[in-house]
Structure formats: C-alpha cells, structure tokens
Amino acid sequence: MSPRILARLFLFASVFCAQLAVADIITDVRTALAQENFAAAASELQSYRAQRGANPEYLEALSWMARGSVSANQLDQADTYAKQTESEARALLGRRSLDAEPHLPLALGAALEVQAQVLALRGQNAQAIALLRRSLVTYGNTSLRARLQKNLNMLGLIGQPAPLLSTAEYLGIRPIPMAQLKGAPVLLFFWAHWCGDCKYEGPIISQLSSEFAAKGLKVEAPTQLYGYAAYGEDAAPKDELAYIGRVWQHYYPGLQDVAVPVSKANFDHYGASTTPLLVLIDRKGRVALYHPGVMQYDDLRAAIEKAM
C-alpha cells in the first residue's frame, strides 16, 4: 500500500474517531448518571472539554448533569450545573443562532427547565413561573417555545381555562370548536407520527373513549407537521400530511372517529414538546389533568372519572 493511501486512511480514521467522540460524550455522561456515578460523568466532561472546549455537544452533556442532579434531589448541584449550562450557551449565541443545530437548544432548554424545577421544588412557584415567562419572551420564536410552555403549564395550567385549539387544518372528521364542547369533558391526545410511545398510548385512549362515550367524553388528537415522513426523509407539507393520515389509519384503528387537528400553534400553546401529551378538560372548560408522556390505563381512567 502506498504512503499516500496510508495517509488518507489515517486521516479518515482520525475524522471518524473524532465524530464518534462527539456522539459518545452525551451517551457516556448519561450512562454514568444512570448508574448514579456522578464522579465518572464529571470526569468525562472534564476530559472532553480539555480536548474540544465548551461546544454545543459538551453543553448538552453538561445539561444532563443538571437533569441528573435534580432527579437525585441534589438541588444546589442541579442549579449550579443548570446556570453554568445557560451561561455558556449564551456565550455561544453571540456567534451563532440557537437552532443552527440540535445540541445547543437541547442544552439551553434543559438548563432553563431545571432552574424552574429547582425553584418549584423549593416552594418558589411564583419565581419559577417568572423565570419561564422571561425565557419565553427571549426565546419564544425559537424551538424552545413548546418546552418552556410545557413547564409553565405543569406549574400553573391545572384549574385554568383550557387554551383554544386551532382547527383550520385537520385529518378525518371535522373538529368541534372547543367553545362548543363546554359542558362535556374533553381528552386531548397530542401525538406525533414518529412517536413510539404514542402508538403505545393509542389503544388505551381508544378503550377509555369507548367506555366513557355514553357519559359524554369527547376525544381530539392534535398533531403537527415536522418536515419529514418515513425514515426521516424530508417531506413537503402535502406529502407529510398524507403520510400522517396513513400512520393514523394504520396504528390507531380504534380512533378513526376522532378528529385530528394539525397545527404547530396547538403544540406551542399547550407546550407539547413531549409526546404523547394528555390534557383532560372538565365540563366547565378548565384543565383537570396535564400529563406529558405515557399514562397507564388505570391512572388515566381514574383522572377521567374524577373530572366527570
């Protein structure tokens, strides 16, 4: 093999290893945190930063230190990591836009989220809400909007009038305007065409819809366009909408009598940065349940009975 070919192979291997290291820092930190080994996670971060600096991948990994700390109820440490992540993310924003790639918005979103969680866990709900509202003013036109709204809703939406849904675009049957649904309990099932947990939740929603239909329960299933369809391939809105329709028919056969409003605005207003998001609205039009993520049958059934 010639020296030139050897040199090219060496260069390729070096680039490949560098790319692998970038991906691994986030995985390595999360793995160490899952094992409750904070010292190992901190060591991984220190080593990576010494080699590559505080780049977006590093900051996303650092944000996991904040998330891991709050889960372990180490509130002081969580707040420190979160504020460090936010400060260094802001420094990077002086040279680039927030949504130029995915790592920086994930890092900054987590940093703001954890700071609000720490305040709430310390009984300072008003301060947590104020922090999130300030952040919404600053980042409301970025990908952080739904995540910030989700955290605001988790702190203060229960008992409040439910935000209206945009129903101009939809799949299947025409959605009933929420103003006309007052007097009936409503379950909103926010879902995404790529979401495996949504497919798990679908049969639960279908069963409960059947059980409580006679008592007046209405179900709507808002979704939105993401810009891609099967296998993550880019898709024009018309093509993605058709793909969403096929996914809905195939994976949610028991919900074909449910309206599917399609609007990013709905996801922003309800803070549906996590799917599924389950929102239960009582007969007076007030939010009785706000639950990001999967909810088991017994728990959701109990919540519906209570709202009834």
Protein backbone atom coordinates (compact mmCIF):
# COMPACT_ATOMS: atom_id res chain seq x y z
CA MET A 1 0.00 0.00 0.00
CA SER A 2 1.39 3.39 -0.99
CA PRO A 3 2.25 6.05 1.62
CA ARG A 4 -0.36 8.34 0.08
CA ILE A 5 -3.14 5.76 0.58
CA LEU A 6 -1.95 5.06 4.11
CA ALA A 7 -2.05 8.78 4.86
CA ARG A 8 -5.60 9.04 3.56
CA LEU A 9 -6.71 6.04 5.61
CA PHE A 10 -5.13 7.54 8.71
CA LEU A 11 -6.92 10.85 8.07
CA PHE A 12 -10.25 9.07 7.57
CA ALA A 13 -9.77 7.09 10.78
CA SER A 14 -8.92 10.25 12.70
CA VAL A 15 -12.03 12.06 11.45
CA PHE A 16 -14.21 9.04 12.20
CA CYS A 17 -12.86 8.74 15.74
CA ALA A 18 -13.39 12.45 16.32
CA GLN A 19 -17.02 12.20 15.21
CA LEU A 20 -17.51 9.15 17.39
CA ALA A 21 -16.11 11.00 20.41
CA VAL A 22 -18.60 13.83 19.87
CA ALA A 23 -21.51 11.40 19.91
CA ASP A 24 -20.12 9.44 22.84
CA ILE A 25 -19.76 12.30 25.33
CA ILE A 26 -23.52 12.64 25.70
CA THR A 27 -24.04 8.87 25.83
CA ASP A 28 -21.18 8.38 28.28
CA VAL A 29 -22.45 11.07 30.65
CA ARG A 30 -26.00 9.73 30.55
CA THR A 31 -24.78 6.18 31.13
CA ALA A 32 -22.73 7.24 34.15
CA LEU A 33 -25.69 9.18 35.56
CA ALA A 34 -27.99 6.20 35.07
CA GLN A 35 -25.54 4.29 37.27
CA GLU A 36 -25.59 7.21 39.76
CA ASN A 37 -21.88 7.68 39.16
CA PHE A 38 -21.68 11.47 39.15
CA ALA A 39 -17.90 11.43 39.59
CA ALA A 40 -17.40 9.42 36.39
CA ALA A 41 -19.78 11.71 34.48
CA ALA A 42 -17.91 14.80 35.70
CA SER A 43 -14.59 13.22 34.72
CA GLU A 44 -15.88 12.50 31.20
CA LEU A 45 -16.96 16.11 30.85
CA GLN A 46 -13.67 17.49 32.12
CA SER A 47 -11.66 15.35 29.73
CA TYR A 48 -13.86 16.22 26.75
CA ARG A 49 -13.75 19.94 27.49
CA ALA A 50 -9.96 19.90 27.75
CA GLN A 51 -9.80 18.48 24.21
CA ARG A 52 -12.70 20.25 22.46
CA GLY A 53 -13.85 23.14 24.59
CA ALA A 54 -17.39 24.13 25.55
CA ASN A 55 -19.06 23.29 22.24
CA PRO A 56 -22.80 22.51 21.86
CA GLU A 57 -22.27 18.77 22.36
CA TYR A 58 -20.42 19.44 25.61
CA LEU A 59 -23.19 21.75 26.80
CA GLU A 60 -25.88 19.17 26.08
CA ALA A 61 -23.89 16.63 28.11
CA LEU A 62 -23.45 19.23 30.87
CA SER A 63 -27.20 19.82 30.90
CA TRP A 64 -27.64 16.13 31.70
CA MET A 65 -25.61 16.72 34.85
CA ALA A 66 -28.24 19.28 35.84
CA ARG A 67 -31.08 16.90 35.00
CA GLY A 68 -29.43 14.01 36.81
CA SER A 69 -28.82 16.13 39.88
CA VAL A 70 -32.41 17.32 40.14
CA SER A 71 -33.61 13.72 39.77
CA ALA A 72 -31.30 12.78 42.64
CA ASN A 73 -32.74 15.69 44.67
CA GLN A 74 -29.34 17.41 44.74
CA LEU A 75 -30.92 20.80 44.19
CA ASP A 76 -27.90 23.02 44.84
CA GLN A 77 -25.78 21.00 42.43
CA ALA A 78 -28.57 20.90 39.85
CA ASP A 79 -28.94 24.68 39.99
CA THR A 80 -25.19 25.17 39.61
CA TYR A 81 -24.95 22.91 36.56
CA ALA A 82 -28.05 24.49 35.01
CA LYS A 83 -26.78 28.04 35.44
CA GLN A 84 -23.36 27.08 34.07
CA THR A 85 -25.01 25.50 31.03
CA GLU A 86 -27.16 28.58 30.44
CA SER A 87 -24.22 30.98 30.83
CA GLU A 88 -22.01 29.09 28.39
CA ALA A 89 -24.86 28.59 25.93
CA ARG A 90 -25.50 32.34 25.92
CA ALA A 91 -21.81 32.89 25.18
CA LEU A 92 -22.09 30.68 22.09
CA LEU A 93 -25.20 32.56 20.97
CA GLY A 94 -23.05 35.63 20.45
CA ARG A 95 -21.55 33.85 17.43
CA ARG A 96 -24.39 31.72 16.05
CA SER A 97 -28.16 31.23 16.04
CA LEU A 98 -29.80 28.97 18.59
CA ASP A 99 -31.32 26.49 16.16
CA ALA A 100 -28.34 26.10 13.82
CA GLU A 101 -28.02 22.52 15.11
CA PRO A 102 -29.88 20.44 17.73
CA HIS A 103 -27.45 20.25 20.68
CA LEU A 104 -27.45 23.88 21.82
CA PRO A 105 -31.25 24.27 22.03
CA LEU A 106 -31.47 20.98 23.92
CA ALA A 107 -28.82 22.19 26.35
CA LEU A 108 -30.31 25.63 26.90
CA GLY A 109 -33.86 24.32 27.15
CA ALA A 110 -32.80 21.82 29.81
CA ALA A 111 -30.88 24.49 31.72
CA LEU A 112 -33.92 26.76 31.95
CA GLU A 113 -36.19 23.83 32.73
CA VAL A 114 -34.01 22.62 35.61
CA GLN A 115 -33.71 26.09 37.12
CA ALA A 116 -37.51 26.34 37.15
CA GLN A 117 -37.81 22.84 38.62
CA VAL A 118 -35.38 23.69 41.42
CA LEU A 119 -37.36 26.80 42.30
CA ALA A 120 -40.63 24.86 42.29
CA LEU A 121 -39.19 22.08 44.45
CA ARG A 122 -38.11 24.74 46.93
CA GLY A 123 -41.66 26.04 47.08
CA GLN A 124 -40.93 29.10 44.97
CA ASN A 125 -43.55 28.58 42.26
CA ALA A 126 -44.00 32.28 41.55
CA GLN A 127 -40.27 32.68 40.90
CA ALA A 128 -40.26 29.58 38.70
CA ILE A 129 -43.16 30.90 36.63
CA ALA A 130 -41.49 34.32 36.32
CA LEU A 131 -38.26 32.70 35.08
CA LEU A 132 -40.12 30.70 32.45
CA ARG A 133 -42.14 33.72 31.30
CA ARG A 134 -38.96 35.80 30.92
CA SER A 135 -37.43 32.96 28.93
CA LEU A 136 -40.49 32.80 26.69
CA VAL A 137 -40.11 36.47 25.89
CA THR A 138 -36.47 35.86 24.92
CA TYR A 139 -36.83 32.52 23.12
CA GLY A 140 -40.48 32.48 22.07
CA ASN A 141 -39.55 32.49 18.38
CA THR A 142 -37.20 29.51 18.65
CA SER A 143 -37.57 25.77 19.10
CA LEU A 144 -37.59 26.31 22.89
CA ARG A 145 -41.09 27.75 22.90
CA ALA A 146 -43.04 24.50 23.36
CA ARG A 147 -40.65 23.22 26.02
CA LEU A 148 -40.87 26.42 28.03
CA GLN A 149 -44.65 26.47 27.69
CA LYS A 150 -44.82 22.85 28.84
CA ASN A 151 -43.01 23.73 32.04
CA LEU A 152 -45.23 26.76 32.56
CA ASN A 153 -48.30 24.60 32.06
CA MET A 154 -47.07 21.98 34.50
CA LEU A 155 -46.78 24.67 37.16
CA GLY A 156 -49.91 26.67 36.55
CA LEU A 157 -52.37 25.32 33.97
CA ILE A 158 -54.39 22.98 36.22
CA GLY A 159 -57.67 24.67 37.10
CA GLN A 160 -57.27 27.31 34.39
CA PRO A 161 -59.41 27.68 31.23
CA ALA A 162 -58.08 25.40 28.50
CA PRO A 163 -56.37 27.17 25.59
CA LEU A 164 -58.39 27.05 22.38
CA LEU A 165 -57.34 24.72 19.59
CA SER A 166 -56.65 25.78 16.03
CA THR A 167 -58.80 23.53 13.83
CA ALA A 168 -58.45 25.08 10.37
CA GLU A 169 -56.42 22.10 9.12
CA TYR A 170 -57.33 18.58 10.17
CA LEU A 171 -57.49 14.93 9.21
CA GLY A 172 -60.61 12.78 9.28
CA ILE A 173 -63.77 14.24 10.75
CA ARG A 174 -64.11 17.97 11.30
CA PRO A 175 -63.07 19.01 14.83
CA ILE A 176 -65.72 20.56 17.05
CA PRO A 177 -64.62 24.03 18.26
CA MET A 178 -63.75 23.84 21.94
CA ALA A 179 -66.17 26.64 22.79
CA GLN A 180 -68.94 24.27 21.68
CA LEU A 181 -67.56 21.43 23.79
CA LYS A 182 -68.09 23.21 27.12
CA GLY A 183 -70.41 21.05 29.19
CA ALA A 184 -68.65 17.86 28.12
CA PRO A 185 -65.32 16.51 29.40
CA VAL A 186 -62.65 16.52 26.71
CA LEU A 187 -59.47 14.46 26.44
CA LEU A 188 -56.74 15.87 24.18
CA PHE A 189 -54.22 13.31 22.94
CA PHE A 190 -51.24 15.16 21.44
CA TRP A 191 -49.28 12.75 19.26
CA ALA A 192 -46.63 12.63 16.53
CA HIS A 193 -46.30 10.33 13.54
CA TRP A 194 -42.81 9.24 14.62
CA CYS A 195 -43.70 8.66 18.30
CA GLY A 196 -43.49 5.09 19.58
CA ASP A 197 -44.95 5.98 22.98
CA CYS A 198 -47.95 7.50 21.21
CA LYS A 199 -48.60 4.17 19.49
CA TYR A 200 -48.47 2.51 22.91
CA GLU A 201 -50.95 5.04 24.33
CA GLY A 202 -53.36 4.77 21.40
CA PRO A 203 -55.20 1.58 22.48
CA ILE A 204 -55.56 2.98 26.00
CA ILE A 205 -57.18 6.15 24.64
CA SER A 206 -59.38 4.04 22.37
CA GLN A 207 -60.60 1.84 25.21
CA LEU A 208 -61.36 4.77 27.50
CA SER A 209 -63.07 6.65 24.71
CA SER A 210 -65.43 3.69 24.26
CA GLU A 211 -66.04 3.30 27.98
CA PHE A 212 -66.86 6.94 28.65
CA ALA A 213 -68.57 7.93 25.40
CA ALA A 214 -72.01 7.38 26.92
CA LYS A 215 -71.08 9.79 29.73
CA GLY A 216 -70.19 12.50 27.23
CA LEU A 217 -66.40 12.21 26.94
CA LYS A 218 -65.05 13.76 23.75
CA VAL A 219 -61.58 12.97 22.39
CA GLU A 220 -59.48 15.01 19.97
CA ALA A 221 -55.98 14.10 18.80
CA PRO A 222 -53.92 17.15 17.82
CA THR A 223 -50.73 16.65 15.83
CA GLN A 224 -48.39 18.80 13.74
CA LEU A 225 -46.06 18.73 10.75
CA TYR A 226 -42.36 18.08 11.41
CA GLY A 227 -40.93 18.46 7.92
CA TYR A 228 -40.20 14.79 7.36
CA ALA A 229 -42.01 11.50 6.87
CA ALA A 230 -40.90 7.84 6.84
CA TYR A 231 -37.27 7.14 7.79
CA GLY A 232 -36.70 10.83 8.49
CA GLU A 233 -36.81 11.77 4.81
CA ASP A 234 -37.64 15.42 4.08
CA ALA A 235 -41.25 15.88 3.02
CA ALA A 236 -43.29 18.77 1.67
CA PRO A 237 -46.32 19.66 3.85
CA LYS A 238 -48.79 17.98 1.49
CA ASP A 239 -46.76 14.76 1.41
CA GLU A 240 -46.20 14.71 5.17
CA LEU A 241 -49.89 15.29 5.80
CA ALA A 242 -50.73 12.29 3.61
CA TYR A 243 -48.14 10.23 5.49
CA ILE A 244 -49.62 11.27 8.85
CA GLY A 245 -53.02 10.12 7.58
CA ARG A 246 -51.62 6.69 6.73
CA VAL A 247 -49.92 6.38 10.13
CA TRP A 248 -53.17 7.37 11.87
CA GLN A 249 -55.19 4.80 9.97
CA HIS A 250 -52.65 2.00 10.47
CA TYR A 251 -51.63 2.46 14.11
CA TYR A 252 -54.79 3.97 15.62
CA PRO A 253 -57.67 1.92 14.20
CA GLY A 254 -59.82 2.43 17.30
CA LEU A 255 -59.68 6.22 17.00
CA GLN A 256 -60.89 6.76 13.46
CA ASP A 257 -63.95 8.63 14.74
CA VAL A 258 -61.66 11.14 16.49
CA ALA A 259 -60.79 14.49 14.93
CA VAL A 260 -57.09 15.19 14.28
CA PRO A 261 -56.36 18.95 14.18
CA VAL A 262 -52.98 19.65 12.53
CA SER A 263 -51.28 22.78 13.85
CA LYS A 264 -47.92 23.75 15.32
CA ALA A 265 -49.70 26.56 17.19
CA ASN A 266 -51.62 23.98 19.22
CA PHE A 267 -48.35 22.34 20.27
CA ASP A 268 -46.88 25.71 21.21
CA HIS A 269 -49.88 26.83 23.25
CA TYR A 270 -50.15 23.54 25.09
CA GLY A 271 -46.40 23.07 25.43
CA ALA A 272 -46.40 19.72 23.68
CA SER A 273 -42.63 19.37 23.43
CA THR A 274 -43.12 15.82 24.73
CA THR A 275 -45.43 13.32 23.05
CA PRO A 276 -47.76 11.91 23.99
CA LEU A 277 -49.18 14.80 25.96
CA LEU A 278 -52.51 14.11 27.64
CA VAL A 279 -54.73 17.02 28.65
CA LEU A 280 -58.08 16.44 30.32
CA ILE A 281 -60.59 19.30 30.33
CA ASP A 282 -63.58 19.23 32.68
CA ARG A 283 -67.17 20.14 31.91
CA LYS A 284 -66.53 23.80 32.77
CA GLY A 285 -63.69 24.04 30.23
CA ARG A 286 -60.92 24.00 32.85
CA VAL A 287 -57.79 21.88 32.69
CA ALA A 288 -58.10 18.97 35.12
CA LEU A 289 -55.03 16.97 34.02
CA TYR A 290 -51.81 17.92 32.26
CA HIS A 291 -49.54 14.92 31.73
CA PRO A 292 -46.53 14.84 29.37
CA GLY A 293 -45.57 11.27 28.49
CA VAL A 294 -47.21 7.85 28.67
CA MET A 295 -50.06 7.34 31.14
CA GLN A 296 -51.26 3.88 32.11
CA TYR A 297 -54.89 2.83 31.75
CA ASP A 298 -55.78 2.76 35.46
CA ASP A 299 -54.27 6.19 36.15
CA LEU A 300 -55.91 7.86 33.18
CA ARG A 301 -59.25 6.18 33.90
CA ALA A 302 -59.16 7.48 37.47
CA ALA A 303 -58.42 11.00 36.23
CA ILE A 304 -61.34 10.86 33.78
CA GLU A 305 -63.72 9.60 36.48
CA LYS A 306 -62.63 12.44 38.75
CA ALA A 307 -63.21 15.01 36.01
CA MET A 308 -66.65 13.54 35.38
